[in-house]
């Protein structure tokens, strides 16, 4: 999952093998902090400004 906001802020949900999930906060493509809670993210970014990015898959063509 990924969210974006004004000022080129990005928040990504990350799970590394064998570790607890965390939220990676970036600005202008650079990692600012890796947060363990939403409260930590809120200290950096206004959560109300974030919008979830949804990846759309191409429609399957129906063969006849």
PDB file of N, CA and C in Angstrom:
ATOM      1  N   UNK A   1       0.845  -1.173   0.000  1.00  0.00           N
ATOM      2  CA  UNK A   1       0.000   0.000   0.000  1.00  0.00           C
ATOM      3  C   UNK A   1       0.888   1.233   0.000  1.00  0.00           C
ATOM      4  N   UNK A   2       0.359   2.273  -0.637  1.00  0.00           N
ATOM      5  CA  UNK A   2       1.127   3.511  -0.742  1.00  0.00           C
ATOM      6  C   UNK A   2       0.170   4.698  -0.734  1.00  0.00           C
ATOM      7  N   UNK A   3       0.578   5.757  -0.056  1.00  0.00           N
ATOM      8  CA  UNK A   3      -0.185   6.988   0.008  1.00  0.00           C
ATOM      9  C   UNK A   3       0.715   8.143  -0.412  1.00  0.00           C
ATOM     10  N   UNK A   4       0.132   9.150  -1.038  1.00  0.00           N
ATOM     11  CA  UNK A   4       0.879  10.329  -1.446  1.00  0.00           C
ATOM     12  C   UNK A   4       0.180  11.582  -0.931  1.00  0.00           C
ATOM     13  N   UNK A   5       0.970  12.647  -0.782  1.00  0.00           N
ATOM     14  CA  UNK A   5       0.412  13.907  -0.309  1.00  0.00           C
ATOM     15  C   UNK A   5       1.145  15.088  -0.915  1.00  0.00           C
ATOM     16  N   UNK A   6       0.672  16.285  -0.640  1.00  0.00           N
ATOM     17  CA  UNK A   6       1.312  17.484  -1.175  1.00  0.00           C
ATOM     18  C   UNK A   6       2.748  17.597  -0.668  1.00  0.00           C
ATOM     19  N   UNK A   7       3.571  18.287  -1.452  1.00  0.00           N
ATOM     20  CA  UNK A   7       4.964  18.445  -1.072  1.00  0.00           C
ATOM     21  C   UNK A   7       5.790  17.217  -1.392  1.00  0.00           C
ATOM     22  N   UNK A   8       5.268  16.373  -2.293  1.00  0.00           N
ATOM     23  CA  UNK A   8       5.928  15.134  -2.716  1.00  0.00           C
ATOM     24  C   UNK A   8       6.207  14.178  -1.557  1.00  0.00           C
ATOM     25  N   UNK A   9       5.282  14.141  -0.586  1.00  0.00           N
ATOM     26  CA  UNK A   9       5.375  13.175   0.508  1.00  0.00           C
ATOM     27  C   UNK A   9       4.812  11.845   0.042  1.00  0.00           C
ATOM     28  N   UNK A  10       5.451  10.755   0.428  1.00  0.00           N
ATOM     29  CA  UNK A  10       4.996   9.402   0.129  1.00  0.00           C
ATOM     30  C   UNK A  10       5.113   8.568   1.397  1.00  0.00           C
ATOM     31  N   UNK A  11       4.092   7.761   1.654  1.00  0.00           N
ATOM     32  CA  UNK A  11       4.124   6.823   2.776  1.00  0.00           C
ATOM     33  C   UNK A  11       3.875   5.435   2.205  1.00  0.00           C
ATOM     34  N   UNK A  12       4.781   4.510   2.506  1.00  0.00           N
ATOM     35  CA  UNK A  12       4.675   3.146   1.994  1.00  0.00           C
ATOM     36  C   UNK A  12       4.592   2.161   3.149  1.00  0.00           C
ATOM     37  N   UNK A  13       3.733   1.164   3.018  1.00  0.00           N
ATOM     38  CA  UNK A  13       3.640   0.071   3.982  1.00  0.00           C
ATOM     39  C   UNK A  13       4.670  -0.966   3.563  1.00  0.00           C
ATOM     40  N   UNK A  14       5.605  -1.285   4.451  1.00  0.00           N
ATOM     41  CA  UNK A  14       6.720  -2.170   4.107  1.00  0.00           C
ATOM     42  C   UNK A  14       6.775  -3.340   5.078  1.00  0.00           C
ATOM     43  N   UNK A  15       6.973  -4.541   4.528  1.00  0.00           N
ATOM     44  CA  UNK A  15       7.182  -5.736   5.343  1.00  0.00           C
ATOM     45  C   UNK A  15       8.453  -6.409   4.835  1.00  0.00           C
ATOM     46  N   UNK A  16       9.469  -6.469   5.683  1.00  0.00           N
ATOM     47  CA  UNK A  16      10.702  -7.161   5.339  1.00  0.00           C
ATOM     48  C   UNK A  16      10.673  -8.552   5.969  1.00  0.00           C
ATOM     49  N   UNK A  17      11.263  -9.502   5.306  1.00  0.00           N
ATOM     50  CA  UNK A  17      11.258 -10.892   5.760  1.00  0.00           C
ATOM     51  C   UNK A  17      11.754 -10.991   7.202  1.00  0.00           C
ATOM     52  N   UNK A  18      10.918 -11.553   8.060  1.00  0.00           N
ATOM     53  CA  UNK A  18      11.297 -11.774   9.446  1.00  0.00           C
ATOM     54  C   UNK A  18      11.218 -10.549  10.341  1.00  0.00           C
ATOM     55  N   UNK A  19      10.664  -9.451   9.848  1.00  0.00           N
ATOM     56  CA  UNK A  19      10.585  -8.228  10.648  1.00  0.00           C
ATOM     57  C   UNK A  19       9.144  -7.737  10.751  1.00  0.00           C
ATOM     58  N   UNK A  20       8.909  -6.877  11.733  1.00  0.00           N
ATOM     59  CA  UNK A  20       7.589  -6.257  11.878  1.00  0.00           C
ATOM     60  C   UNK A  20       7.356  -5.272  10.745  1.00  0.00           C
ATOM     61  N   UNK A  21       6.109  -5.138  10.305  1.00  0.00           N
ATOM     62  CA  UNK A  21       5.798  -4.132   9.279  1.00  0.00           C
ATOM     63  C   UNK A  21       6.068  -2.722   9.808  1.00  0.00           C
ATOM     64  N   UNK A  22       6.359  -1.808   8.883  1.00  0.00           N
ATOM     65  CA  UNK A  22       6.556  -0.415   9.266  1.00  0.00           C
ATOM     66  C   UNK A  22       6.098   0.487   8.123  1.00  0.00           C
ATOM     67  N   UNK A  23       6.031   1.763   8.385  1.00  0.00           N
ATOM     68  CA  UNK A  23       5.636   2.754   7.389  1.00  0.00           C
ATOM     69  C   UNK A  23       6.863   3.584   7.028  1.00  0.00           C
ATOM     70  N   UNK A  24       7.242   3.550   5.760  1.00  0.00           N
ATOM     71  CA  UNK A  24       8.401   4.305   5.287  1.00  0.00           C
ATOM     72  C   UNK A  24       7.905   5.642   4.740  1.00  0.00           C
ATOM     73  N   UNK A  25       8.401   6.721   5.308  1.00  0.00           N
ATOM     74  CA  UNK A  25       7.997   8.068   4.902  1.00  0.00           C
ATOM     75  C   UNK A  25       9.120   8.675   4.062  1.00  0.00           C
ATOM     76  N   UNK A  26       8.748   9.142   2.873  1.00  0.00           N
ATOM     77  CA  UNK A  26       9.721   9.762   1.967  1.00  0.00           C
ATOM     78  C   UNK A  26       9.237  11.149   1.566  1.00  0.00           C
ATOM     79  N   UNK A  27      10.199  12.005   1.247  1.00  0.00           N
ATOM     80  CA  UNK A  27       9.871  13.285   0.628  1.00  0.00           C
ATOM     81  C   UNK A  27      10.858  13.510  -0.504  1.00  0.00           C
ATOM     82  N   UNK A  28      10.333  13.856  -1.670  1.00  0.00           N
ATOM     83  CA  UNK A  28      11.141  14.040  -2.885  1.00  0.00           C
ATOM     84  C   UNK A  28      11.958  12.782  -3.197  1.00  0.00           C
ATOM     85  N   UNK A  29      11.418  11.599  -2.842  1.00  0.00           N
ATOM     86  CA  UNK A  29      12.083  10.341  -3.149  1.00  0.00           C
ATOM     87  C   UNK A  29      13.128   9.902  -2.126  1.00  0.00           C
ATOM     88  N   UNK A  30      13.405  10.731  -1.127  1.00  0.00           N
ATOM     89  CA  UNK A  30      14.390  10.396  -0.100  1.00  0.00           C
ATOM     90  C   UNK A  30      13.697   9.923   1.175  1.00  0.00           C
ATOM     91  N   UNK A  31      14.236   8.867   1.777  1.00  0.00           N
ATOM     92  CA  UNK A  31      13.663   8.363   3.024  1.00  0.00           C
ATOM     93  C   UNK A  31      13.885   9.378   4.130  1.00  0.00           C
ATOM     94  N   UNK A  32      12.791   9.766   4.789  1.00  0.00           N
ATOM     95  CA  UNK A  32      12.851  10.699   5.912  1.00  0.00           C
ATOM     96  C   UNK A  32      12.874   9.920   7.223  1.00  0.00           C
ATOM     97  N   UNK A  33      11.998   8.921   7.319  1.00  0.00           N
ATOM     98  CA  UNK A  33      11.936   8.108   8.539  1.00  0.00           C
ATOM     99  C   UNK A  33      11.184   6.815   8.255  1.00  0.00           C
ATOM    100  N   UNK A  34      11.522   5.779   9.009  1.00  0.00           N
ATOM    101  CA  UNK A  34      10.773   4.535   8.999  1.00  0.00           C
ATOM    102  C   UNK A  34      10.035   4.467  10.329  1.00  0.00           C
ATOM    103  N   UNK A  35       8.706   4.538  10.267  1.00  0.00           N
ATOM    104  CA  UNK A  35       7.861   4.685  11.453  1.00  0.00           C
ATOM    105  C   UNK A  35       7.188   3.369  11.832  1.00  0.00           C
ATOM    106  N   UNK A  36       7.062   3.144  13.121  1.00  0.00           N
ATOM    107  CA  UNK A  36       6.387   1.944  13.633  1.00  0.00           C
ATOM    108  C   UNK A  36       4.924   2.208  13.962  1.00  0.00           C
ATOM    109  N   UNK A  37       4.505   3.486  13.939  1.00  0.00           N
ATOM    110  CA  UNK A  37       3.108   3.804  14.258  1.00  0.00           C
ATOM    111  C   UNK A  37       2.598   4.931  13.367  1.00  0.00           C
ATOM    112  N   UNK A  38       1.289   4.994  13.255  1.00  0.00           N
ATOM    113  CA  UNK A  38       0.651   6.065  12.494  1.00  0.00           C
ATOM    114  C   UNK A  38       0.905   7.411  13.176  1.00  0.00           C
ATOM    115  N   UNK A  39       0.990   7.400  14.506  1.00  0.00           N
ATOM    116  CA  UNK A  39       1.269   8.637  15.247  1.00  0.00           C
ATOM    117  C   UNK A  39       2.619   9.230  14.832  1.00  0.00           C
ATOM    118  N   UNK A  40       3.605   8.368  14.594  1.00  0.00           N
ATOM    119  CA  UNK A  40       4.911   8.856  14.132  1.00  0.00           C
ATOM    120  C   UNK A  40       4.788   9.499  12.753  1.00  0.00           C
ATOM    121  N   UNK A  41       4.007   8.872  11.882  1.00  0.00           N
ATOM    122  CA  UNK A  41       3.790   9.438  10.542  1.00  0.00           C
ATOM    123  C   UNK A  41       3.101  10.787  10.665  1.00  0.00           C
ATOM    124  N   UNK A  42       2.122  10.881  11.558  1.00  0.00           N
ATOM    125  CA  UNK A  42       1.362  12.122  11.743  1.00  0.00           C
ATOM    126  C   UNK A  42       2.244  13.257  12.246  1.00  0.00           C
ATOM    127  N   UNK A  43       3.352  12.941  12.888  1.00  0.00           N
ATOM    128  CA  UNK A  43       4.260  13.996  13.335  1.00  0.00           C
ATOM    129  C   UNK A  43       5.021  14.621  12.169  1.00  0.00           C
ATOM    130  N   UNK A  44       5.002  13.953  11.019  1.00  0.00           N
ATOM    131  CA  UNK A  44       5.712  14.440   9.831  1.00  0.00           C
ATOM    132  C   UNK A  44       4.785  14.985   8.760  1.00  0.00           C
ATOM    133  N   UNK A  45       3.618  14.339   8.602  1.00  0.00           N
ATOM    134  CA  UNK A  45       2.702  14.626   7.498  1.00  0.00           C
ATOM    135  C   UNK A  45       1.286  14.751   8.043  1.00  0.00           C
ATOM    136  N   UNK A  46       0.501  15.657   7.481  1.00  0.00           N
ATOM    137  CA  UNK A  46      -0.911  15.749   7.854  1.00  0.00           C
ATOM    138  C   UNK A  46      -1.637  14.568   7.212  1.00  0.00           C
ATOM    139  N   UNK A  47      -2.119  13.656   8.023  1.00  0.00           N
ATOM    140  CA  UNK A  47      -2.742  12.437   7.514  1.00  0.00           C
ATOM    141  C   UNK A  47      -3.958  12.724   6.644  1.00  0.00           C
ATOM    142  N   UNK A  48      -4.654  13.809   6.909  1.00  0.00           N
ATOM    143  CA  UNK A  48      -5.847  14.157   6.134  1.00  0.00           C
ATOM    144  C   UNK A  48      -5.503  14.502   4.683  1.00  0.00           C
ATOM    145  N   UNK A  49      -4.244  14.847   4.426  1.00  0.00           N
ATOM    146  CA  UNK A  49      -3.824  15.204   3.070  1.00  0.00           C
ATOM    147  C   UNK A  49      -3.392  13.999   2.240  1.00  0.00           C
ATOM    148  N   UNK A  50      -3.224  12.840   2.876  1.00  0.00           N
ATOM    149  CA  UNK A  50      -2.740  11.667   2.157  1.00  0.00           C
ATOM    150  C   UNK A  50      -3.863  10.989   1.378  1.00  0.00           C
ATOM    151  N   UNK A  51      -3.520  10.508   0.192  1.00  0.00           N
ATOM    152  CA  UNK A  51      -4.459   9.810  -0.686  1.00  0.00           C
ATOM    153  C   UNK A  51      -3.829   8.474  -1.062  1.00  0.00           C
ATOM    154  N   UNK A  52      -4.615   7.397  -0.938  1.00  0.00           N
ATOM    155  CA  UNK A  52      -4.086   6.077  -1.284  1.00  0.00           C
ATOM    156  C   UNK A  52      -3.940   5.941  -2.795  1.00  0.00           C
ATOM    157  N   UNK A  53      -2.818   5.385  -3.214  1.00  0.00           N
ATOM    158  CA  UNK A  53      -2.561   5.125  -4.627  1.00  0.00           C
ATOM    159  C   UNK A  53      -3.032   3.717  -4.933  1.00  0.00           C
ATOM    160  N   UNK A  54      -3.889   3.588  -5.934  1.00  0.00           N
ATOM    161  CA  UNK A  54      -4.421   2.288  -6.330  1.00  0.00           C
ATOM    162  C   UNK A  54      -3.867   1.931  -7.698  1.00  0.00           C
ATOM    163  N   UNK A  55      -3.219   0.786  -7.771  1.00  0.00           N
ATOM    164  CA  UNK A  55      -2.692   0.313  -9.047  1.00  0.00           C
ATOM    165  C   UNK A  55      -3.827  -0.375  -9.806  1.00  0.00           C
ATOM    166  N   UNK A  56      -4.084   0.069 -11.006  1.00  0.00           N
ATOM    167  CA  UNK A  56      -5.136  -0.534 -11.821  1.00  0.00           C
ATOM    168  C   UNK A  56      -4.520  -1.555 -12.762  1.00  0.00           C
ATOM    169  N   UNK A  57      -5.149  -2.718 -12.823  1.00  0.00           N
ATOM    170  CA  UNK A  57      -4.683  -3.761 -13.725  1.00  0.00           C
ATOM    171  C   UNK A  57      -5.440  -3.643 -15.047  1.00  0.00           C
ATOM    172  N   UNK A  58      -4.765  -3.945 -16.147  1.00  0.00           N
ATOM    173  CA  UNK A  58      -5.465  -3.894 -17.435  1.00  0.00           C
ATOM    174  C   UNK A  58      -6.579  -4.929 -17.477  1.00  0.00           C
ATOM    175  N   UNK A  59      -7.644  -4.582 -18.138  1.00  0.00           N
ATOM    176  CA  UNK A  59      -8.772  -5.513 -18.265  1.00  0.00           C
ATOM    177  C   UNK A  59      -8.373  -6.701 -19.126  1.00  0.00           C
ATOM    178  N   UNK A  60      -8.863  -7.873 -18.733  1.00  0.00           N
ATOM    179  CA  UNK A  60      -8.595  -9.067 -19.537  1.00  0.00           C
ATOM    180  C   UNK A  60      -9.445  -9.030 -20.795  1.00  0.00           C
ATOM    181  N   UNK A  61      -8.832  -9.424 -21.888  1.00  0.00           N
ATOM    182  CA  UNK A  61      -9.620  -9.476 -23.133  1.00  0.00           C
ATOM    183  C   UNK A  61     -10.378 -10.808 -23.153  1.00  0.00           C
ATOM    184  N   UNK A  62     -11.614 -10.732 -23.585  1.00  0.00           N
ATOM    185  CA  UNK A  62     -12.460 -11.937 -23.656  1.00  0.00           C
ATOM    186  C   UNK A  62     -12.326 -12.547 -25.039  1.00  0.00           C
ATOM    187  N   UNK A  63     -11.806 -13.757 -25.086  1.00  0.00           N
ATOM    188  CA  UNK A  63     -11.667 -14.465 -26.370  1.00  0.00           C
ATOM    189  C   UNK A  63     -12.966 -15.185 -26.684  1.00  0.00           C
ATOM    190  N   UNK A  64     -13.360 -15.118 -27.941  1.00  0.00           N
ATOM    191  CA  UNK A  64     -14.593 -15.794 -28.370  1.00  0.00           C
ATOM    192  C   UNK A  64     -14.305 -16.795 -29.415  1.00  0.00           C
TER     193      UNK A  64
END
